[in-house]
Protein backbone atom coordinates (compact mmCIF):
# COMPACT_ATOMS: atom_id res chain seq x y z
CA UNK A 1 68.24 362.61 63.11
CA UNK A 2 66.21 365.37 61.49
CA UNK A 3 64.29 367.47 64.06
CA UNK A 4 61.09 367.40 62.01
CA UNK A 5 61.22 363.62 61.82
CA UNK A 6 61.72 363.37 65.60
CA UNK A 7 58.76 365.67 66.17
CA UNK A 8 56.58 363.68 63.77
CA UNK A 9 57.50 360.41 65.50
CA UNK A 10 56.79 361.88 68.95
CA UNK A 11 53.46 363.28 67.75
CA UNK A 12 52.39 359.93 66.34
CA UNK A 13 53.42 358.04 69.48
CA UNK A 14 51.58 360.54 71.67
CA UNK A 15 48.49 360.32 69.51
CA UNK A 16 48.47 356.52 69.48
CA UNK A 17 49.15 356.04 73.18
CA UNK A 18 46.51 358.61 74.01
CA UNK A 19 43.85 356.44 72.39
CA UNK A 20 42.95 353.03 73.70
CA UNK A 21 43.45 351.15 70.43
CA UNK A 22 40.81 348.53 69.75
CA UNK A 23 39.06 348.45 73.10
CA UNK A 24 37.42 351.83 72.52
CA UNK A 25 36.13 351.29 69.02
CA UNK A 26 35.53 347.61 68.40
CA UNK A 27 31.86 346.74 68.01
CA UNK A 28 31.89 343.04 68.69
CA UNK A 29 28.86 340.97 69.72
CA UNK A 30 28.80 337.70 71.65
CA UNK A 31 25.45 335.89 71.66
CA UNK A 32 24.98 333.11 74.20
CA UNK A 33 22.35 330.40 74.41
CA UNK A 34 19.31 331.51 76.39
CA UNK A 35 19.04 335.00 74.82
CA UNK A 36 21.99 336.46 76.76
CA UNK A 37 24.23 338.68 74.66
CA UNK A 38 27.06 341.16 75.07
CA UNK A 39 28.21 344.10 72.97
CA UNK A 40 31.73 345.32 73.45
CA UNK A 41 35.20 343.95 72.69
CA UNK A 42 36.34 340.40 72.13
CA UNK A 43 39.67 340.09 73.95
CA UNK A 44 40.77 336.49 73.46
CA UNK A 45 39.79 332.84 73.39
CA UNK A 46 41.62 330.62 75.83
CA UNK A 47 40.94 327.33 77.65
CA UNK A 48 37.66 326.87 75.78
CA UNK A 49 36.36 330.26 76.96
CA UNK A 50 35.59 333.54 75.23
CA UNK A 51 37.07 336.51 77.09
CA UNK A 52 34.80 339.42 76.24
CA UNK A 53 34.59 342.92 77.68
CA UNK A 54 31.12 344.45 77.47
CA UNK A 55 31.06 348.17 76.73
CA UNK A 56 30.08 349.07 80.27
CA UNK A 57 31.46 346.31 82.46
CA UNK A 58 34.07 343.85 83.59
CA UNK A 59 35.46 341.12 81.36
CA UNK A 60 33.24 338.04 81.16
CA UNK A 61 34.57 334.55 80.46
CA UNK A 62 31.96 332.42 78.74
CA UNK A 63 32.32 328.75 77.81
CA UNK A 64 32.43 328.04 74.09
CA UNK A 65 29.78 325.33 74.42
CA UNK A 66 27.25 327.97 75.54
CA UNK A 67 28.10 330.45 72.77
CA UNK A 68 25.88 330.65 69.71
CA UNK A 69 27.58 333.39 67.74
CA UNK A 70 30.46 335.87 67.89
CA UNK A 71 30.70 338.74 65.43
CA UNK A 72 33.95 340.70 65.19
CA UNK A 73 33.43 344.17 63.73
CA UNK A 74 35.69 344.97 62.04
CA UNK A 75 37.47 341.63 61.60
CA UNK A 76 40.78 341.62 63.46
CA UNK A 77 44.27 340.24 63.02
CA UNK A 78 44.82 337.34 65.41
CA UNK A 79 47.28 334.64 66.37
CA UNK A 80 45.63 331.23 66.43
CA UNK A 81 47.05 328.20 68.23
CA UNK A 82 45.44 324.97 67.01
CA UNK A 83 45.67 322.04 69.44
CA UNK A 84 49.03 320.31 69.05
CA UNK A 85 50.18 322.58 66.20
CA UNK A 86 52.24 325.73 65.64
CA UNK A 87 50.74 329.20 65.92
CA UNK A 88 49.17 330.73 62.82
CA UNK A 89 49.62 334.49 62.52
CA UNK A 90 48.23 335.54 59.13
CA UNK A 91 44.51 335.27 59.86
CA UNK A 92 41.75 337.78 60.51
CA UNK A 93 39.04 336.65 62.89
CA UNK A 94 35.56 337.33 61.54
CA UNK A 95 33.53 335.46 64.14
CA UNK A 96 32.22 332.20 65.53
CA UNK A 97 29.09 330.34 64.52
CA UNK A 98 27.80 326.76 64.60
CA UNK A 99 30.78 325.61 66.71
CA UNK A 100 33.30 326.97 64.18
CA UNK A 101 35.59 329.99 64.19
CA UNK A 102 35.49 331.89 60.89
CA UNK A 103 38.72 333.48 59.64
CA UNK A 104 39.84 335.35 56.56
CA UNK A 105 43.20 334.67 54.95
CA UNK A 106 43.91 336.94 51.98
CA UNK A 107 40.25 337.06 50.97
CA UNK A 108 39.61 333.34 51.46
CA UNK A 109 37.20 332.31 54.22
CA UNK A 110 38.53 329.57 56.50
CA UNK A 111 36.49 327.69 59.10
CA UNK A 112 38.05 325.85 62.08
CA UNK A 113 36.14 323.83 64.69
CA UNK A 114 36.29 325.51 68.10
CA UNK A 115 37.20 322.27 69.83
CA UNK A 116 40.41 322.12 67.75
CA UNK A 117 41.68 325.53 68.87
CA UNK A 118 43.69 326.09 72.06
CA UNK A 119 43.82 329.89 71.92
CA UNK A 120 43.16 333.00 69.85
CA UNK A 121 45.09 336.14 70.73
CA UNK A 122 44.22 339.53 69.34
CA UNK A 123 46.93 341.31 67.39
CA UNK A 124 47.53 345.02 67.22
CA UNK A 125 45.14 346.10 64.49
CA UNK A 126 44.83 349.83 63.79
CA UNK A 127 41.83 349.20 61.51
CA UNK A 128 39.74 348.33 64.58
CA UNK A 129 40.40 351.71 66.17
CA UNK A 130 40.30 353.82 63.00
CA UNK A 131 37.10 352.25 61.72
CA UNK A 132 35.00 353.38 64.66
CA UNK A 133 36.75 356.59 65.59
CA UNK A 134 34.03 358.86 64.24
CA UNK A 135 31.09 356.73 65.33
CA UNK A 136 30.39 358.74 68.47
CA UNK A 137 31.46 356.18 71.05
CA UNK A 138 32.02 357.68 74.45
CA UNK A 139 35.80 357.53 74.26
CA UNK A 140 36.04 358.06 70.49
CA UNK A 141 33.61 360.97 70.19
CA UNK A 142 35.21 363.92 68.50
CA UNK A 143 38.44 362.12 67.55
CA UNK A 144 39.59 363.07 64.10
CA UNK A 145 42.47 361.81 62.00
CA UNK A 146 45.75 363.43 62.93
CA UNK A 147 47.12 365.77 60.27
CA UNK A 148 50.75 366.84 60.48
CA UNK A 149 51.95 369.81 58.48
CA UNK A 150 55.70 369.26 58.15
CA UNK A 151 56.22 372.90 57.15
CA UNK A 152 54.91 374.09 60.52
CA UNK A 153 56.89 371.68 62.71
CA UNK A 154 59.71 372.83 64.89
CA UNK A 155 61.63 371.27 67.74
CA UNK A 156 63.61 372.77 70.55
CA UNK A 157 66.66 371.09 72.00
């Protein structure tokens, strides 16, 4: 394999594994009944509970019946398992409101009742990390897009 290509691949892998993908840059909000809310990262929905990691704390697991609204910013690729049906993998989760999850499929908004969904798993979505990289978050502050000049690359073997 070409040495420059190997170096480029290694550089990209190092860059990506050095950042904490969507947990550092997602700006999700979970609003519960009773004026309790969290800002941080939505992790998953499972067993009728939202798994949400606030920006400065441990993961909380809140029952869906006590949730008023979930906003996913930016919307994220997910795998959805409806009760008694096969997994659906081509959806972007936008949020949850009025007992329904809101998804986007190729520009079309789709709503599914929360009580009909067994689980929602987050996919690997580089847009969630790239979108907030320059927003000054503690972990993302100062991160800039990686630029690779192929003319300057060299590898030693």
